[in-house]
N, C-alpha and C. Protein backbone atom coordinates (compact mmCIF):
# COMPACT_ATOMS: atom_id res chain seq x y z
N MET A 1 -34.13 -125.24 1.59
CA MET A 1 -33.85 -125.26 0.51
C MET A 1 -35.09 -125.79 -0.11
N LYS A 2 -35.94 -126.76 -0.07
CA LYS A 2 -36.84 -127.05 -0.22
C LYS A 2 -37.95 -126.09 -0.37
N ASN A 3 -38.65 -125.40 0.86
CA ASN A 3 -38.62 -124.60 0.87
C ASN A 3 -39.10 -123.29 -0.27
N VAL A 4 -37.28 -123.56 -0.45
CA VAL A 4 -36.55 -122.38 -0.88
C VAL A 4 -37.83 -122.72 -2.69
N THR A 5 -37.59 -123.45 -3.16
CA THR A 5 -37.62 -123.30 -4.52
C THR A 5 -39.66 -124.11 -4.60
N LEU A 6 -40.36 -124.34 -3.16
CA LEU A 6 -41.85 -124.25 -3.64
C LEU A 6 -42.27 -122.93 -3.30
N PHE A 7 -41.82 -121.94 -3.12
CA PHE A 7 -41.61 -120.41 -2.19
C PHE A 7 -42.25 -120.23 -4.19
N MET A 8 -41.01 -120.80 -5.15
CA MET A 8 -40.71 -120.00 -6.19
C MET A 8 -41.35 -120.21 -7.35
N LEU A 9 -41.42 -121.42 -7.25
CA LEU A 9 -42.83 -122.91 -8.45
C LEU A 9 -44.56 -121.73 -8.02
N ILE A 10 -44.57 -121.08 -6.30
CA ILE A 10 -45.82 -120.59 -5.98
C ILE A 10 -45.93 -119.80 -6.70
N LEU A 11 -45.00 -118.53 -6.18
CA LEU A 11 -44.62 -117.38 -6.74
C LEU A 11 -44.55 -117.06 -8.24
N LEU A 12 -44.41 -118.14 -9.40
CA LEU A 12 -44.24 -118.53 -10.80
C LEU A 12 -45.69 -118.30 -11.28
N VAL A 13 -46.66 -119.60 -10.43
CA VAL A 13 -47.39 -119.43 -10.81
C VAL A 13 -48.54 -118.06 -10.57
N CYS A 14 -48.28 -117.49 -9.81
CA CYS A 14 -49.21 -115.85 -9.34
C CYS A 14 -49.03 -115.38 -10.32
N VAL A 15 -47.68 -115.32 -10.30
CA VAL A 15 -47.30 -114.18 -11.27
C VAL A 15 -47.59 -114.64 -12.54
N SER A 16 -48.26 -115.42 -12.85
CA SER A 16 -48.37 -116.34 -14.84
C SER A 16 -49.31 -115.76 -14.59
N CYS A 17 -50.51 -116.00 -13.40
CA CYS A 17 -51.95 -115.84 -14.22
C CYS A 17 -52.39 -114.92 -14.34
N SER A 18 -53.19 -114.75 -15.50
CA SER A 18 -53.91 -113.05 -16.43
C SER A 18 -54.34 -112.84 -14.78
N MET A 19 -55.37 -111.92 -14.69
CA MET A 19 -55.85 -110.84 -13.06
C MET A 19 -57.35 -110.29 -14.31
N ALA A 20 -57.85 -110.21 -14.11
CA ALA A 20 -59.44 -109.28 -13.97
C ALA A 20 -58.57 -107.93 -14.07
N PRO A 21 -59.33 -107.02 -15.27
CA PRO A 21 -58.61 -105.65 -15.11
C PRO A 21 -58.77 -105.01 -13.34
N GLU A 22 -58.72 -103.59 -13.35
CA GLU A 22 -58.95 -102.53 -12.10
C GLU A 22 -60.68 -101.81 -12.14
N ARG A 23 -60.79 -101.08 -14.40
CA ARG A 23 -61.61 -100.99 -14.57
C ARG A 23 -62.29 -101.42 -15.77
N PRO A 24 -62.59 -102.04 -15.90
CA PRO A 24 -63.74 -102.61 -16.72
C PRO A 24 -63.73 -101.68 -18.43
N PHE A 25 -63.52 -102.32 -19.15
CA PHE A 25 -62.84 -101.94 -20.63
C PHE A 25 -64.39 -101.27 -21.53
N THR A 26 -64.49 -100.57 -22.35
CA THR A 26 -65.48 -100.25 -23.12
C THR A 26 -65.38 -100.32 -24.40
N LYS A 27 -66.29 -100.57 -25.65
CA LYS A 27 -66.31 -100.41 -26.61
C LYS A 27 -65.56 -100.21 -27.42
N ASP A 28 -65.17 -98.90 -26.64
CA ASP A 28 -64.46 -97.22 -27.93
C ASP A 28 -63.28 -98.52 -27.52
N GLN A 29 -62.34 -98.71 -26.27
CA GLN A 29 -61.11 -98.84 -26.02
C GLN A 29 -61.10 -99.74 -26.96
N LEU A 30 -62.02 -100.56 -27.47
CA LEU A 30 -62.05 -102.02 -27.80
C LEU A 30 -61.84 -102.32 -29.28
N TYR A 31 -62.13 -101.00 -29.70
CA TYR A 31 -62.54 -100.79 -31.58
C TYR A 31 -61.31 -99.53 -32.28
N LYS A 32 -61.06 -99.03 -31.09
CA LYS A 32 -59.54 -98.86 -31.67
C LYS A 32 -58.10 -99.59 -31.56
N THR A 33 -58.40 -101.04 -31.30
CA THR A 33 -57.64 -101.39 -31.18
C THR A 33 -57.82 -101.67 -33.32
N GLY A 34 -58.56 -101.52 -33.94
CA GLY A 34 -59.31 -102.05 -34.90
C GLY A 34 -58.87 -103.63 -36.02
N ILE A 35 -58.99 -104.26 -34.77
CA ILE A 35 -59.36 -105.43 -35.38
C ILE A 35 -60.69 -106.72 -35.98
N TYR A 36 -62.08 -105.22 -35.74
CA TYR A 36 -62.54 -105.43 -36.73
C TYR A 36 -62.99 -104.91 -37.59
N THR A 37 -62.19 -104.04 -38.07
CA THR A 37 -61.71 -103.30 -39.54
C THR A 37 -60.48 -104.45 -39.91
N TYR A 38 -59.32 -104.38 -39.47
CA TYR A 38 -58.27 -105.23 -40.75
C TYR A 38 -58.31 -106.86 -39.92
N PHE A 39 -59.63 -107.69 -39.73
CA PHE A 39 -59.87 -108.74 -38.85
C PHE A 39 -61.07 -109.48 -39.08
N THR A 40 -61.12 -110.51 -40.17
CA THR A 40 -62.57 -111.16 -40.25
C THR A 40 -62.21 -112.10 -38.87
N VAL A 41 -64.00 -111.03 -37.61
CA VAL A 41 -63.68 -111.98 -35.78
C VAL A 41 -65.05 -112.41 -35.62
N ASN A 42 -65.11 -113.68 -35.08
CA ASN A 42 -66.89 -114.49 -35.42
C ASN A 42 -68.11 -113.64 -33.69
N ASP A 43 -66.57 -113.40 -32.87
CA ASP A 43 -67.32 -113.12 -31.99
C ASP A 43 -67.88 -111.20 -31.76
N SER A 44 -68.85 -111.98 -31.63
CA SER A 44 -69.71 -109.82 -30.72
C SER A 44 -68.52 -109.70 -29.57
N PRO A 45 -69.10 -108.36 -30.11
CA PRO A 45 -67.65 -106.94 -29.43
C PRO A 45 -68.25 -107.59 -27.31
N GLU A 46 -69.38 -107.45 -27.53
CA GLU A 46 -69.76 -107.37 -25.75
C GLU A 46 -68.88 -109.01 -24.93
N SER A 47 -69.04 -110.22 -26.25
CA SER A 47 -68.47 -110.87 -25.91
C SER A 47 -67.14 -110.85 -25.56
N VAL A 48 -66.94 -111.08 -26.45
CA VAL A 48 -64.93 -110.30 -26.51
C VAL A 48 -64.50 -109.02 -24.72
N LEU A 49 -65.45 -108.27 -24.46
CA LEU A 49 -64.64 -107.56 -24.07
C LEU A 49 -65.44 -108.83 -22.59
N ALA A 50 -67.19 -108.95 -23.18
CA ALA A 50 -67.42 -109.45 -21.17
C ALA A 50 -65.55 -110.83 -20.62
N ALA A 51 -65.42 -111.30 -21.76
CA ALA A 51 -63.78 -112.07 -21.74
C ALA A 51 -63.20 -111.54 -21.18
N ILE A 52 -62.48 -110.29 -22.15
CA ILE A 52 -61.54 -109.44 -20.62
C ILE A 52 -61.83 -109.02 -19.54
N ASN A 53 -63.07 -108.78 -19.23
CA ASN A 53 -63.09 -107.87 -18.47
C ASN A 53 -63.10 -108.86 -16.95
N LYS A 54 -63.86 -110.10 -17.60
CA LYS A 54 -64.15 -111.40 -15.97
C LYS A 54 -62.25 -111.97 -16.08
N GLU A 55 -61.77 -111.99 -17.25
CA GLU A 55 -60.53 -113.19 -17.40
C GLU A 55 -58.69 -111.77 -17.34
N GLY A 56 -59.19 -110.88 -17.80
CA GLY A 56 -58.05 -110.07 -18.09
C GLY A 56 -56.95 -109.88 -20.02
N GLU A 57 -57.49 -111.19 -20.43
CA GLU A 57 -57.14 -111.93 -22.11
C GLU A 57 -58.19 -111.93 -22.36
N VAL A 58 -58.36 -112.69 -23.84
CA VAL A 58 -58.54 -113.05 -24.37
C VAL A 58 -58.64 -113.52 -26.28
N VAL A 59 -58.49 -114.86 -26.28
CA VAL A 59 -57.99 -114.89 -27.99
C VAL A 59 -59.20 -115.53 -28.26
N LEU A 60 -58.99 -114.88 -29.51
CA LEU A 60 -59.86 -115.26 -31.05
C LEU A 60 -59.35 -116.04 -31.90
N ASP A 61 -60.63 -116.88 -32.29
CA ASP A 61 -60.04 -116.97 -33.99
C ASP A 61 -60.49 -115.91 -35.71
N ALA A 62 -60.24 -115.52 -35.84
CA ALA A 62 -59.89 -114.74 -37.24
C ALA A 62 -59.30 -114.97 -38.57
N LEU A 63 -59.87 -114.32 -39.57
CA LEU A 63 -59.09 -114.40 -40.34
C LEU A 63 -58.51 -113.03 -41.03
N TYR A 64 -57.07 -113.73 -41.48
CA TYR A 64 -56.78 -111.51 -42.07
C TYR A 64 -56.21 -112.32 -43.40
N ARG A 65 -57.48 -111.36 -44.96
CA ARG A 65 -57.17 -111.84 -46.19
C ARG A 65 -57.04 -113.41 -46.27
N ASN A 66 -58.08 -114.18 -46.01
CA ASN A 66 -58.45 -115.16 -45.78
C ASN A 66 -57.54 -116.34 -44.97
N ARG A 67 -56.27 -115.44 -44.30
CA ARG A 67 -55.58 -116.48 -42.88
C ARG A 67 -56.14 -116.55 -42.03
N PRO A 68 -56.01 -118.40 -42.22
CA PRO A 68 -56.46 -117.95 -40.34
C PRO A 68 -55.87 -117.47 -39.20
N VAL A 69 -56.01 -116.73 -37.94
CA VAL A 69 -55.03 -115.71 -37.42
C VAL A 69 -55.83 -116.30 -36.08
N TRP A 70 -54.43 -115.98 -34.72
CA TRP A 70 -54.68 -116.35 -33.69
C TRP A 70 -55.21 -114.63 -33.67
N LEU A 71 -55.67 -114.19 -32.21
CA LEU A 71 -56.33 -113.20 -32.17
C LEU A 71 -55.58 -113.03 -30.59
N LYS A 72 -55.46 -112.64 -29.98
CA LYS A 72 -54.65 -112.59 -28.22
C LYS A 72 -55.12 -111.05 -28.15
N ILE A 73 -56.02 -110.82 -27.29
CA ILE A 73 -56.10 -109.22 -26.94
C ILE A 73 -55.69 -109.51 -25.07
N LEU A 74 -54.91 -108.58 -24.72
CA LEU A 74 -54.47 -108.65 -23.15
C LEU A 74 -54.94 -107.19 -22.30
N GLY A 75 -55.89 -107.91 -21.47
CA GLY A 75 -56.00 -105.71 -20.95
C GLY A 75 -55.46 -105.44 -20.30
N LYS A 76 -54.10 -104.49 -20.30
CA LYS A 76 -53.68 -103.74 -19.36
C LYS A 76 -54.04 -102.81 -18.51
N GLN A 77 -53.24 -102.29 -17.69
CA GLN A 77 -53.50 -100.61 -16.98
C GLN A 77 -53.53 -99.93 -18.13
N GLU A 78 -52.48 -99.94 -19.18
CA GLU A 78 -52.24 -99.31 -20.36
C GLU A 78 -53.39 -99.08 -20.57
N GLY A 79 -53.73 -100.10 -20.93
CA GLY A 79 -54.95 -99.72 -22.20
C GLY A 79 -54.69 -102.06 -22.84
N LEU A 80 -55.36 -101.57 -23.86
CA LEU A 80 -55.68 -103.50 -24.52
C LEU A 80 -54.87 -103.53 -25.33
N THR A 81 -53.88 -104.85 -25.43
CA THR A 81 -52.57 -104.45 -26.23
C THR A 81 -53.19 -105.95 -27.13
N VAL A 82 -53.16 -105.92 -28.40
CA VAL A 82 -53.39 -107.21 -29.54
C VAL A 82 -51.67 -107.85 -29.97
N THR A 83 -52.02 -109.29 -29.93
CA THR A 83 -50.73 -109.75 -30.42
C THR A 83 -51.60 -110.29 -31.30
N ILE A 84 -50.88 -110.42 -32.86
CA ILE A 84 -51.18 -111.65 -34.44
C ILE A 84 -50.22 -112.82 -34.07
N VAL A 85 -50.35 -114.37 -34.57
CA VAL A 85 -50.21 -115.14 -34.58
C VAL A 85 -50.59 -115.50 -34.92
N GLU A 86 -49.91 -116.35 -35.94
CA GLU A 86 -50.20 -117.22 -37.34
C GLU A 86 -50.44 -118.76 -36.80
N ARG A 87 -51.72 -119.13 -37.47
CA ARG A 87 -52.20 -120.62 -37.03
C ARG A 87 -51.05 -121.79 -37.91
């Protein structure tokens, strides 16, 4: 029973970690998300791409109509997905 619990814990930790994408994402793919059109983001596109291509995800501090929000960009095989969270 102890081995099964340990195995499940290790499996859960491995599955929940984000991984770098197989192919690096490009600026065009990042611009298609519209984050630089609709949000005020202080980070440069190059630094955002570097983080996504290295870690597989990035969380950005941004403004939407003078309201502070967090943008979580996740790199998937299908492309980039953006999640918006109000602070």
